[in-house]
């Protein structure tokens, strides 16, 4: 199974995603901001990052830009309740593997995660 970083400013969403992924056998670490996620990525290897698009301060797009600038190849699965078609297109153009709409269905999260890290 994979090692996954979940970045979301909403604790309930972070905890819910963490619980689903851990039940699937993944190791999960969480961050409540883009800066926290970048720090975790600096210190650890992850097979996947699940990141909320809209967080206070930096956005999920900022995370993608920073990762690509560092030539990081870690896959990013973006989640959002707010992204419209233009934002989704920008997210995908920056290299995210997909954009999932909140509220995220459990099965959809499991399937999208499995595409990247197996399971």
C-alpha atoms as a PDB file:
ATOM      1  CA  UNK A   1       0.000   0.000   0.000  1.00  0.00           C
ATOM      2  CA  UNK A   2       0.994   3.632  -0.339  1.00  0.00           C
ATOM      3  CA  UNK A   3       2.074   6.493   1.850  1.00  0.00           C
ATOM      4  CA  UNK A   4      -0.320   9.393   1.355  1.00  0.00           C
ATOM      5  CA  UNK A   5      -0.318  13.016   2.493  1.00  0.00           C
ATOM      6  CA  UNK A   6      -3.743  14.600   3.008  1.00  0.00           C
ATOM      7  CA  UNK A   7      -3.781  18.416   3.085  1.00  0.00           C
ATOM      8  CA  UNK A   8      -7.044  20.147   3.998  1.00  0.00           C
ATOM      9  CA  UNK A   9      -7.787  23.028   6.344  1.00  0.00           C
ATOM     10  CA  UNK A  10     -11.059  21.399   7.453  1.00  0.00           C
ATOM     11  CA  UNK A  11     -10.248  18.926  10.218  1.00  0.00           C
ATOM     12  CA  UNK A  12     -13.408  16.882   9.655  1.00  0.00           C
ATOM     13  CA  UNK A  13     -12.579  16.426   5.963  1.00  0.00           C
ATOM     14  CA  UNK A  14      -8.929  15.584   6.717  1.00  0.00           C
ATOM     15  CA  UNK A  15      -9.956  13.050   9.343  1.00  0.00           C
ATOM     16  CA  UNK A  16     -12.599  11.476   7.105  1.00  0.00           C
ATOM     17  CA  UNK A  17     -10.197  11.039   4.178  1.00  0.00           C
ATOM     18  CA  UNK A  18      -7.512   9.711   6.511  1.00  0.00           C
ATOM     19  CA  UNK A  19      -9.893   7.135   7.964  1.00  0.00           C
ATOM     20  CA  UNK A  20     -11.016   5.880   4.539  1.00  0.00           C
ATOM     21  CA  UNK A  21      -7.457   5.584   3.229  1.00  0.00           C
ATOM     22  CA  UNK A  22      -6.118   3.895   6.360  1.00  0.00           C
ATOM     23  CA  UNK A  23      -8.924   1.325   6.159  1.00  0.00           C
ATOM     24  CA  UNK A  24      -7.658   0.565   2.658  1.00  0.00           C
ATOM     25  CA  UNK A  25      -4.223  -0.162   4.136  1.00  0.00           C
ATOM     26  CA  UNK A  26      -2.446   3.095   3.304  1.00  0.00           C
ATOM     27  CA  UNK A  27      -0.200   5.017   5.679  1.00  0.00           C
ATOM     28  CA  UNK A  28      -1.551   8.556   5.980  1.00  0.00           C
ATOM     29  CA  UNK A  29      -0.050  11.784   7.263  1.00  0.00           C
ATOM     30  CA  UNK A  30      -2.054  15.014   7.385  1.00  0.00           C
ATOM     31  CA  UNK A  31      -1.404  18.738   7.048  1.00  0.00           C
ATOM     32  CA  UNK A  32      -3.789  21.634   7.595  1.00  0.00           C
ATOM     33  CA  UNK A  33      -2.174  24.044   5.123  1.00  0.00           C
ATOM     34  CA  UNK A  34      -0.141  24.171   1.938  1.00  0.00           C
ATOM     35  CA  UNK A  35       2.897  25.265   3.939  1.00  0.00           C
ATOM     36  CA  UNK A  36       2.416  22.294   6.272  1.00  0.00           C
ATOM     37  CA  UNK A  37       2.132  19.988   3.268  1.00  0.00           C
ATOM     38  CA  UNK A  38       5.296  21.395   1.703  1.00  0.00           C
ATOM     39  CA  UNK A  39       7.172  20.870   4.965  1.00  0.00           C
ATOM     40  CA  UNK A  40       5.923  17.269   5.191  1.00  0.00           C
ATOM     41  CA  UNK A  41       6.981  16.713   1.571  1.00  0.00           C
ATOM     42  CA  UNK A  42      10.426  18.107   2.319  1.00  0.00           C
ATOM     43  CA  UNK A  43      10.885  15.657   5.188  1.00  0.00           C
ATOM     44  CA  UNK A  44       9.177  12.516   3.867  1.00  0.00           C
ATOM     45  CA  UNK A  45       8.469  10.502   0.734  1.00  0.00           C
ATOM     46  CA  UNK A  46       4.822  10.200  -0.331  1.00  0.00           C
ATOM     47  CA  UNK A  47       3.264   8.148  -3.100  1.00  0.00           C
ATOM     48  CA  UNK A  48       0.333  10.566  -3.393  1.00  0.00           C
ATOM     49  CA  UNK A  49      -0.832  13.938  -2.093  1.00  0.00           C
ATOM     50  CA  UNK A  50      -4.566  14.522  -1.666  1.00  0.00           C
ATOM     51  CA  UNK A  51      -4.924  18.302  -1.422  1.00  0.00           C
ATOM     52  CA  UNK A  52      -7.850  20.671  -0.996  1.00  0.00           C
ATOM     53  CA  UNK A  53      -7.897  23.412  -3.617  1.00  0.00           C
ATOM     54  CA  UNK A  54      -9.162  26.234  -1.409  1.00  0.00           C
ATOM     55  CA  UNK A  55      -7.366  26.798   1.884  1.00  0.00           C
ATOM     56  CA  UNK A  56      -6.444  29.976   3.773  1.00  0.00           C
ATOM     57  CA  UNK A  57      -3.224  31.512   2.490  1.00  0.00           C
ATOM     58  CA  UNK A  58      -1.864  29.356  -0.310  1.00  0.00           C
ATOM     59  CA  UNK A  59      -4.131  27.252  -2.505  1.00  0.00           C
ATOM     60  CA  UNK A  60      -3.768  23.795  -3.949  1.00  0.00           C
ATOM     61  CA  UNK A  61      -2.636  25.459  -7.176  1.00  0.00           C
ATOM     62  CA  UNK A  62       0.212  27.081  -5.235  1.00  0.00           C
ATOM     63  CA  UNK A  63       1.195  23.611  -4.021  1.00  0.00           C
ATOM     64  CA  UNK A  64       1.236  22.268  -7.582  1.00  0.00           C
ATOM     65  CA  UNK A  65       3.333  25.203  -8.798  1.00  0.00           C
ATOM     66  CA  UNK A  66       5.862  24.760  -5.980  1.00  0.00           C
ATOM     67  CA  UNK A  67       6.104  21.008  -6.559  1.00  0.00           C
ATOM     68  CA  UNK A  68       6.606  21.403 -10.295  1.00  0.00           C
ATOM     69  CA  UNK A  69       9.204  24.126  -9.672  1.00  0.00           C
ATOM     70  CA  UNK A  70      11.119  21.636  -7.543  1.00  0.00           C
ATOM     71  CA  UNK A  71      10.699  19.023 -10.269  1.00  0.00           C
ATOM     72  CA  UNK A  72       8.826  16.815  -7.851  1.00  0.00           C
ATOM     73  CA  UNK A  73       6.974  13.975  -9.507  1.00  0.00           C
ATOM     74  CA  UNK A  74       4.702  13.156  -6.567  1.00  0.00           C
ATOM     75  CA  UNK A  75       1.157  12.728  -7.903  1.00  0.00           C
ATOM     76  CA  UNK A  76      -1.444  15.190  -6.595  1.00  0.00           C
ATOM     77  CA  UNK A  77      -5.166  14.459  -6.388  1.00  0.00           C
ATOM     78  CA  UNK A  78      -6.985  17.758  -5.867  1.00  0.00           C
ATOM     79  CA  UNK A  79     -10.284  18.001  -4.008  1.00  0.00           C
ATOM     80  CA  UNK A  80     -12.628  20.982  -4.038  1.00  0.00           C
ATOM     81  CA  UNK A  81     -16.095  22.225  -3.323  1.00  0.00           C
ATOM     82  CA  UNK A  82     -15.364  25.445  -5.224  1.00  0.00           C
ATOM     83  CA  UNK A  83     -13.425  24.722  -8.407  1.00  0.00           C
ATOM     84  CA  UNK A  84     -15.269  25.618 -11.593  1.00  0.00           C
ATOM     85  CA  UNK A  85     -14.402  24.253 -15.036  1.00  0.00           C
ATOM     86  CA  UNK A  86     -11.664  26.856 -15.648  1.00  0.00           C
ATOM     87  CA  UNK A  87     -10.006  26.196 -12.294  1.00  0.00           C
ATOM     88  CA  UNK A  88     -10.244  22.436 -12.849  1.00  0.00           C
ATOM     89  CA  UNK A  89      -8.596  22.835 -16.257  1.00  0.00           C
ATOM     90  CA  UNK A  90      -5.766  24.874 -14.701  1.00  0.00           C
ATOM     91  CA  UNK A  91      -5.288  22.280 -11.957  1.00  0.00           C
ATOM     92  CA  UNK A  92      -5.063  19.459 -14.492  1.00  0.00           C
ATOM     93  CA  UNK A  93      -2.761  21.478 -16.756  1.00  0.00           C
ATOM     94  CA  UNK A  94      -0.395  21.937 -13.799  1.00  0.00           C
ATOM     95  CA  UNK A  95      -0.181  18.172 -13.490  1.00  0.00           C
ATOM     96  CA  UNK A  96      -2.770  17.024 -10.965  1.00  0.00           C
ATOM     97  CA  UNK A  97      -3.951  13.483 -11.658  1.00  0.00           C
ATOM     98  CA  UNK A  98      -7.597  14.474 -11.153  1.00  0.00           C
ATOM     99  CA  UNK A  99      -9.984  16.834  -9.367  1.00  0.00           C
ATOM    100  CA  UNK A 100     -12.643  15.364  -7.085  1.00  0.00           C
ATOM    101  CA  UNK A 101     -15.676  17.416  -6.076  1.00  0.00           C
ATOM    102  CA  UNK A 102     -16.601  17.695  -2.406  1.00  0.00           C
ATOM    103  CA  UNK A 103     -18.400  16.044  -0.836  1.00  0.00           C
ATOM    104  CA  UNK A 104     -16.205  13.159  -1.920  1.00  0.00           C
ATOM    105  CA  UNK A 105     -17.824   9.772  -2.237  1.00  0.00           C
ATOM    106  CA  UNK A 106     -15.898   7.071  -0.387  1.00  0.00           C
ATOM    107  CA  UNK A 107     -15.832   4.725  -3.379  1.00  0.00           C
ATOM    108  CA  UNK A 108     -14.585   7.485  -5.690  1.00  0.00           C
ATOM    109  CA  UNK A 109     -11.725   8.326  -3.313  1.00  0.00           C
ATOM    110  CA  UNK A 110     -10.731   4.665  -3.065  1.00  0.00           C
ATOM    111  CA  UNK A 111     -10.837   4.181  -6.850  1.00  0.00           C
ATOM    112  CA  UNK A 112      -8.861   7.341  -7.649  1.00  0.00           C
ATOM    113  CA  UNK A 113      -6.257   6.514  -5.007  1.00  0.00           C
ATOM    114  CA  UNK A 114      -5.916   2.950  -6.315  1.00  0.00           C
ATOM    115  CA  UNK A 115      -5.212   4.276  -9.830  1.00  0.00           C
ATOM    116  CA  UNK A 116      -2.131   6.039  -8.485  1.00  0.00           C
ATOM    117  CA  UNK A 117      -0.793   3.876  -5.652  1.00  0.00           C
ATOM    118  CA  UNK A 118      -2.610   0.582  -6.094  1.00  0.00           C
ATOM    119  CA  UNK A 119      -4.794  -1.114  -3.567  1.00  0.00           C
END
